[in-house]
Protein backbone atom coordinates (compact mmCIF):
# COMPACT_ATOMS: atom_id res chain seq x y z
CA UNK A 1 64.77 -37.63 20.09
CA UNK A 2 68.06 -38.56 21.77
CA UNK A 3 71.15 -39.83 19.99
CA UNK A 4 72.85 -43.01 21.19
CA UNK A 5 76.28 -44.16 20.12
CA UNK A 6 77.11 -47.84 20.57
CA UNK A 7 79.35 -50.60 19.28
CA UNK A 8 77.94 -53.75 17.72
CA UNK A 9 79.53 -56.75 16.05
CA UNK A 10 80.04 -56.35 12.32
CA UNK A 11 77.78 -59.35 11.66
CA UNK A 12 74.93 -57.65 13.53
CA UNK A 13 75.46 -54.41 11.60
CA UNK A 14 75.41 -56.34 8.34
CA UNK A 15 72.14 -58.04 9.29
CA UNK A 16 70.68 -54.67 10.27
CA UNK A 17 71.77 -53.04 7.01
CA UNK A 18 70.44 -55.93 4.93
CA UNK A 19 67.10 -55.93 6.72
CA UNK A 20 66.73 -52.15 6.48
CA UNK A 21 67.32 -52.31 2.73
CA UNK A 22 64.98 -55.28 2.31
CA UNK A 23 62.16 -53.62 4.25
CA UNK A 24 62.99 -50.13 3.02
CA UNK A 25 62.88 -48.71 6.55
CA UNK A 26 65.45 -46.73 8.53
CA UNK A 27 67.85 -48.71 10.69
CA UNK A 28 66.90 -46.69 13.76
CA UNK A 29 63.28 -47.79 13.31
CA UNK A 30 64.32 -51.45 13.32
CA UNK A 31 66.54 -50.92 16.35
CA UNK A 32 63.81 -49.02 18.18
CA UNK A 33 61.21 -51.74 17.60
CA UNK A 34 63.64 -54.53 18.46
CA UNK A 35 64.74 -52.82 21.67
CA UNK A 36 61.15 -52.09 22.73
CA UNK A 37 60.22 -55.74 22.20
CA UNK A 38 63.29 -56.92 24.10
CA UNK A 39 62.61 -54.57 27.03
CA UNK A 40 58.96 -55.68 27.10
CA UNK A 41 60.07 -59.32 27.22
CA UNK A 42 62.41 -58.57 30.12
CA UNK A 43 59.61 -56.82 32.02
CA UNK A 44 57.34 -59.83 31.49
CA UNK A 45 60.04 -62.19 32.72
CA UNK A 46 60.61 -60.07 35.84
CA UNK A 47 56.86 -60.07 36.47
CA UNK A 48 56.74 -63.87 36.14
CA UNK A 49 59.73 -64.24 38.48
CA UNK A 50 58.04 -62.03 41.09
CA UNK A 51 54.95 -64.27 41.00
CA UNK A 52 57.15 -67.33 41.42
CA UNK A 53 58.84 -65.75 44.45
CA UNK A 54 55.46 -64.91 45.97
CA UNK A 55 54.31 -68.47 45.31
CA UNK A 56 57.23 -69.76 47.36
CA UNK A 57 56.58 -67.40 50.29
CA UNK A 58 53.94 -68.78 52.68
CA UNK A 59 53.36 -65.39 54.32
CA UNK A 60 52.67 -63.78 50.93
CA UNK A 61 50.31 -66.63 50.05
CA UNK A 62 48.36 -66.01 53.25
CA UNK A 63 48.10 -62.31 52.45
CA UNK A 64 46.91 -63.11 48.93
CA UNK A 65 44.32 -65.55 50.29
CA UNK A 66 43.03 -62.86 52.66
CA UNK A 67 42.79 -60.43 49.77
CA UNK A 68 40.81 -62.91 47.68
CA UNK A 69 38.47 -63.60 50.60
CA UNK A 70 37.85 -59.87 51.07
CA UNK A 71 37.26 -59.43 47.34
CA UNK A 72 34.80 -62.35 47.28
CA UNK A 73 32.94 -60.92 50.28
CA UNK A 74 32.66 -57.54 48.57
CA UNK A 75 31.26 -59.18 45.43
CA UNK A 76 28.67 -61.08 47.47
CA UNK A 77 27.67 -57.87 49.28
CA UNK A 78 27.29 -56.02 45.97
CA UNK A 79 25.22 -58.86 44.55
CA UNK A 80 22.91 -58.86 47.58
CA UNK A 81 22.38 -55.10 47.28
CA UNK A 82 21.30 -55.36 43.63
């Protein structure tokens, strides 16, 4: 495990201390879970934004449509072989 030193507002530290006591868990566990959730949320937002950018790009839409057509054709071919 790696050590990280950071500065946080006193109000945040107080909330962290209070919650750690209330839940009877280490502060680093709360920080770890909170940071993981935050990073996951950022990744999801970036993923959503990339889809929005693709949706606005006509060339990317054409490529996606071609990919869906190819996929559909493959499914039909597999179904016919069964």
